[in-house]
Amino acid sequence: MTKKRNTYDYLIDRAQENTALLCLIDPDKWDVSEVADIATGYAENGADALLIGGSMMLNNRFTEAVREIKKKVTIPLIIFPGLFHCISAEADALLVISMLSSRNPQVLIQEQVRYAPLVYQAKLETIPTAYLLIESGNLSSVQYMSDSLPIPRKKNDIAIAHALAAQYMGMQMVYLEAGSGAELQVPEEMIKAVKSHIDIPLIVGGGIKSPDDAHKKAKAGADFVVIGTILESQKDFRIIKEFAAAVHNK
């Protein structure tokens, strides 16, 4: 029997070809009527996959947003959960995030236990992912909501140890995150250091404001580069094409 090609396989294939671009959609920041158009703009201009999620959920339209996006795009739509139940059977996969940089049990295991039955019922593909929050120069939403101290940006050894722990625990990816709208990005030196010590894919995001920023992250060793807030200031999908070119041509 031929094994069904799943989202994780797709992501690995894309990362083996070149660094992949992941575009994050926060449904709290857009009307549902806009969400599908934003997803289409990302897909048509070079995004390899889409993430959907955020730190808050004020409009309570997550499932509706997922449904509208899936009507318009064929690239994978992956749930990037915050501190609440953001589960939809209509998405392609779920990043099962454990914030290993934190010592707060809520983000280490409690939230995952709470939504596990929903994932089971939805029959969602799961991608276990270690989430490491990196010092970014300001108080990010994820730091505030998770009540967690970030890893100091100059402490590569601490980041390496956490990433290795993730690999030894069976995680399938490591995510170095500075936070949405971060003042300072994850340093390239830390990306290189972590990548040189682990065998699982590395995701990098937070505060990446230009194609040149994205190119540097890819060249430093990121397998996936995440952008999410750039459209809030640029309002032009042509910039996404520039990001995609910068990432794909590391």
Protein backbone atom coordinates (compact mmCIF):
# COMPACT_ATOMS: atom_id res chain seq x y z
CA MET A 1 0.00 0.00 0.00
CA THR A 2 1.33 3.45 -0.95
CA LYS A 3 1.73 5.76 2.01
CA LYS A 4 -0.40 8.88 1.80
CA ARG A 5 1.73 12.00 1.31
CA ASN A 6 1.01 14.18 4.32
CA THR A 7 1.71 17.80 5.20
CA TYR A 8 4.90 17.02 7.10
CA ASP A 9 6.28 15.09 4.11
CA TYR A 10 5.44 18.05 1.90
CA LEU A 11 7.24 20.47 4.22
CA ILE A 12 10.33 18.27 4.38
CA ASP A 13 10.39 18.02 0.58
CA ARG A 14 10.18 21.81 0.26
CA ALA A 15 12.93 22.36 2.84
CA GLN A 16 15.22 19.89 1.09
CA GLU A 17 14.90 21.84 -2.15
CA ASN A 18 15.57 25.20 -0.49
CA THR A 19 14.47 27.18 2.54
CA ALA A 20 10.68 27.41 2.56
CA LEU A 21 8.52 30.48 3.24
CA LEU A 22 5.66 30.16 5.73
CA CYS A 23 3.16 33.01 5.95
CA LEU A 24 1.23 33.46 9.19
CA ILE A 25 -2.36 34.69 9.15
CA ASP A 26 -3.81 36.01 12.41
CA PRO A 27 -7.59 35.86 11.89
CA ASP A 28 -8.05 38.37 14.72
CA LYS A 29 -6.46 41.09 12.59
CA TRP A 30 -8.62 40.70 9.49
CA ASP A 31 -12.29 40.37 8.63
CA VAL A 32 -13.30 36.88 7.53
CA SER A 33 -14.11 38.38 4.13
CA GLU A 34 -10.44 39.46 3.83
CA VAL A 35 -8.80 36.30 5.13
CA ALA A 36 -9.27 34.18 1.99
CA ASP A 37 -7.97 36.98 -0.23
CA ILE A 38 -4.88 37.36 1.97
CA ALA A 39 -4.26 33.61 1.85
CA THR A 40 -4.65 33.63 -1.93
CA GLY A 41 -2.21 36.53 -2.22
CA TYR A 42 0.34 34.64 -0.17
CA ALA A 43 -0.09 31.44 -2.18
CA GLU A 44 0.08 33.16 -5.57
CA ASN A 45 3.25 35.05 -4.66
CA GLY A 46 5.45 32.22 -3.46
CA ALA A 47 4.42 31.06 0.02
CA ASP A 48 5.11 27.34 0.46
CA ALA A 49 2.53 26.88 3.23
CA LEU A 50 0.28 28.95 5.49
CA LEU A 51 0.10 29.12 9.27
CA ILE A 52 -3.05 30.32 10.99
CA GLY A 53 -3.32 31.40 14.61
CA GLY A 54 -2.51 34.13 17.11
CA SER A 55 -2.13 35.02 20.78
CA MET A 56 -5.74 36.17 21.17
CA MET A 57 -9.06 35.29 19.56
CA LEU A 58 -11.46 38.15 20.06
CA ASN A 59 -13.70 37.60 17.05
CA ASN A 60 -14.23 33.84 17.64
CA ARG A 61 -14.29 33.10 13.90
CA PHE A 62 -11.35 30.72 13.64
CA THR A 63 -13.18 27.81 12.03
CA GLU A 64 -14.93 30.15 9.61
CA ALA A 65 -11.58 31.66 8.61
CA VAL A 66 -10.06 28.20 8.03
CA ARG A 67 -13.04 27.19 5.90
CA GLU A 68 -12.82 30.30 3.71
CA ILE A 69 -9.08 29.86 3.17
CA LYS A 70 -9.44 26.21 2.18
CA LYS A 71 -11.93 27.21 -0.51
CA LYS A 72 -9.27 29.33 -2.21
CA VAL A 73 -5.80 27.78 -1.74
CA THR A 74 -4.20 24.40 -2.33
CA ILE A 75 -0.97 24.85 -0.35
CA PRO A 76 -1.13 23.42 3.19
CA LEU A 77 -2.93 25.36 5.91
CA ILE A 78 -1.39 24.56 9.29
CA ILE A 79 -2.83 25.58 12.65
CA PHE A 80 -0.40 27.50 14.84
CA PRO A 81 -2.23 27.42 18.17
CA GLY A 82 -2.18 30.11 20.83
CA LEU A 83 -3.35 29.78 24.41
CA PHE A 84 -6.88 28.68 23.52
CA HIS A 85 -8.75 26.04 21.53
CA CYS A 86 -7.92 26.81 17.90
CA ILE A 87 -8.77 23.48 16.36
CA SER A 88 -10.53 22.90 13.05
CA ALA A 89 -10.93 19.62 11.19
CA GLU A 90 -10.79 21.58 7.93
CA ALA A 91 -7.12 22.53 8.34
CA ASP A 92 -4.41 20.26 6.92
CA ALA A 93 -2.30 19.89 10.05
CA LEU A 94 -1.57 21.24 13.52
CA LEU A 95 1.74 22.30 15.01
CA VAL A 96 1.56 20.73 18.46
CA ILE A 97 3.54 23.45 20.19
CA SER A 98 5.31 22.90 23.50
CA MET A 99 7.14 26.02 24.69
CA LEU A 100 10.24 24.27 25.98
CA SER A 101 11.94 27.58 26.75
CA SER A 102 9.28 28.21 29.40
CA ARG A 103 8.89 26.78 32.88
CA ASN A 104 5.17 27.52 32.87
CA PRO A 105 3.27 24.18 32.85
CA GLN A 106 0.36 25.78 30.98
CA VAL A 107 2.40 26.17 27.79
CA LEU A 108 4.54 23.09 28.35
CA ILE A 109 1.69 20.57 28.63
CA GLN A 110 -1.62 21.86 30.03
CA GLU A 111 -2.94 23.50 26.85
CA GLN A 112 -1.98 20.45 24.82
CA VAL A 113 -3.91 18.15 27.16
CA ARG A 114 -6.95 20.42 26.91
CA TYR A 115 -7.10 20.38 23.12
CA ALA A 116 -5.92 16.79 22.59
CA PRO A 117 -9.48 15.34 22.53
CA LEU A 118 -10.47 17.93 19.93
CA VAL A 119 -7.51 16.95 17.75
CA TYR A 120 -8.46 13.29 18.11
CA GLN A 121 -12.03 13.97 17.06
CA ALA A 122 -10.91 16.14 14.14
CA LYS A 123 -8.41 13.49 12.97
CA LEU A 124 -5.91 16.25 12.35
CA GLU A 125 -2.35 15.50 11.27
CA THR A 126 -0.03 16.60 14.07
CA ILE A 127 3.53 17.95 13.87
CA PRO A 128 5.19 18.01 17.33
CA THR A 129 7.16 21.25 17.52
CA ALA A 130 9.41 22.70 20.22
CA TYR A 131 8.80 26.43 20.56
CA LEU A 132 11.75 28.44 21.89
CA LEU A 133 11.05 32.07 22.67
CA ILE A 134 14.12 34.27 22.11
CA GLU A 135 14.75 37.66 23.71
CA SER A 136 13.55 40.33 21.26
CA GLY A 137 14.11 43.70 22.90
CA ASN A 138 10.47 44.28 23.82
CA LEU A 139 7.60 42.53 25.59
CA SER A 140 5.90 40.46 22.91
CA SER A 141 2.33 39.18 23.01
CA VAL A 142 3.48 35.59 23.32
CA GLN A 143 5.82 36.42 26.20
CA TYR A 144 3.07 38.26 28.05
CA MET A 145 0.36 35.66 27.40
CA SER A 146 2.60 32.70 28.26
CA ASP A 147 4.13 34.34 31.35
CA SER A 148 7.54 33.09 30.19
CA LEU A 149 11.09 34.37 30.23
CA PRO A 150 12.73 34.27 26.78
CA ILE A 151 16.13 32.72 26.13
CA PRO A 152 18.76 35.53 26.19
CA ARG A 153 19.70 36.38 22.62
CA LYS A 154 23.45 36.04 23.27
CA LYS A 155 23.19 32.69 25.05
CA ASN A 156 23.60 30.28 22.14
CA ASP A 157 24.49 27.45 24.51
CA ILE A 158 21.10 27.67 26.22
CA ALA A 159 19.28 27.66 22.88
CA ILE A 160 21.34 24.66 21.71
CA ALA A 161 20.59 22.70 24.87
CA HIS A 162 16.85 23.32 24.53
CA ALA A 163 16.87 22.38 20.84
CA LEU A 164 18.78 19.17 21.54
CA ALA A 165 16.34 18.30 24.32
CA ALA A 166 13.51 18.77 21.83
CA GLN A 167 15.16 16.40 19.36
CA TYR A 168 15.86 13.78 22.01
CA MET A 169 12.24 14.00 23.19
CA GLY A 170 11.04 13.14 19.69
CA MET A 171 9.95 16.58 18.46
CA GLN A 172 9.83 16.86 14.67
CA MET A 173 10.71 20.57 14.45
CA VAL A 174 12.29 23.37 16.46
CA TYR A 175 10.87 26.89 16.21
CA LEU A 176 13.08 29.84 17.23
CA GLU A 177 10.66 32.73 17.76
CA ALA A 178 11.32 36.36 18.61
CA GLY A 179 7.59 37.13 18.69
CA SER A 180 5.18 39.00 16.45
CA GLY A 181 6.39 42.55 15.79
CA ALA A 182 9.65 41.92 17.65
CA GLU A 183 12.07 44.81 17.93
CA LEU A 184 15.04 42.44 17.53
CA GLN A 185 15.11 39.28 15.42
CA VAL A 186 16.58 35.90 16.27
CA PRO A 187 20.35 36.44 15.73
CA GLU A 188 21.95 34.67 12.77
CA GLU A 189 24.71 33.44 15.10
CA MET A 190 22.11 31.60 17.21
CA ILE A 191 20.46 30.12 14.11
CA LYS A 192 23.83 28.79 12.89
CA ALA A 193 24.70 27.40 16.31
CA VAL A 194 21.41 25.60 16.81
CA LYS A 195 21.27 24.27 13.24
CA SER A 196 24.77 22.82 13.53
CA HIS A 197 23.71 20.72 16.54
CA ILE A 198 20.32 19.29 15.53
CA ASP A 199 19.10 16.95 12.81
CA ILE A 200 15.45 18.05 12.75
CA PRO A 201 14.13 21.03 10.73
CA LEU A 202 14.52 24.55 12.11
CA ILE A 203 11.83 27.25 11.84
CA VAL A 204 12.71 30.91 12.46
CA GLY A 205 10.29 33.82 12.84
CA GLY A 206 9.58 37.10 14.56
CA GLY A 207 10.38 40.66 13.52
CA ILE A 208 11.48 39.75 9.98
CA LYS A 209 10.68 42.98 8.18
CA SER A 210 12.46 42.80 4.83
CA PRO A 211 13.45 40.27 2.16
CA ASP A 212 17.08 40.86 3.14
CA ASP A 213 16.25 39.89 6.74
CA ALA A 214 14.60 36.71 5.46
CA HIS A 215 17.56 35.91 3.21
CA LYS A 216 19.96 36.18 6.16
CA LYS A 217 17.86 33.77 8.24
CA ALA A 218 17.77 31.27 5.38
CA LYS A 219 21.50 31.56 4.76
CA ALA A 220 22.20 31.10 8.47
CA GLY A 221 20.46 27.74 8.39
CA ALA A 222 16.71 28.18 8.82
CA ASP A 223 14.76 25.50 6.98
CA PHE A 224 11.59 27.58 7.24
CA VAL A 225 11.26 31.37 7.56
CA VAL A 226 8.00 32.77 8.93
CA ILE A 227 6.58 36.20 8.14
CA GLY A 228 3.25 37.48 9.35
CA THR A 229 2.83 41.18 10.04
CA ILE A 230 4.46 42.63 6.92
CA LEU A 231 1.13 43.11 5.08
CA GLU A 232 -0.17 45.28 7.90
CA SER A 233 2.27 48.00 6.85
CA GLN A 234 2.99 47.23 3.18
CA LYS A 235 -0.52 46.42 1.85
CA ASP A 236 1.06 45.06 -1.33
CA PHE A 237 1.42 41.39 -2.21
CA ARG A 238 4.40 42.09 -4.46
CA ILE A 239 6.53 42.25 -1.31
CA ILE A 240 5.62 38.61 -0.63
CA LYS A 241 7.11 37.63 -3.98
CA GLU A 242 10.32 39.41 -2.94
CA PHE A 243 10.36 37.52 0.37
CA ALA A 244 9.84 34.22 -1.43
CA ALA A 245 12.69 34.91 -3.84
CA ALA A 246 15.00 35.92 -0.99
CA VAL A 247 14.24 32.77 0.98
CA HIS A 248 14.27 30.35 -1.91
CA ASN A 249 17.57 31.66 -3.26
CA LYS A 250 19.60 31.51 -0.07
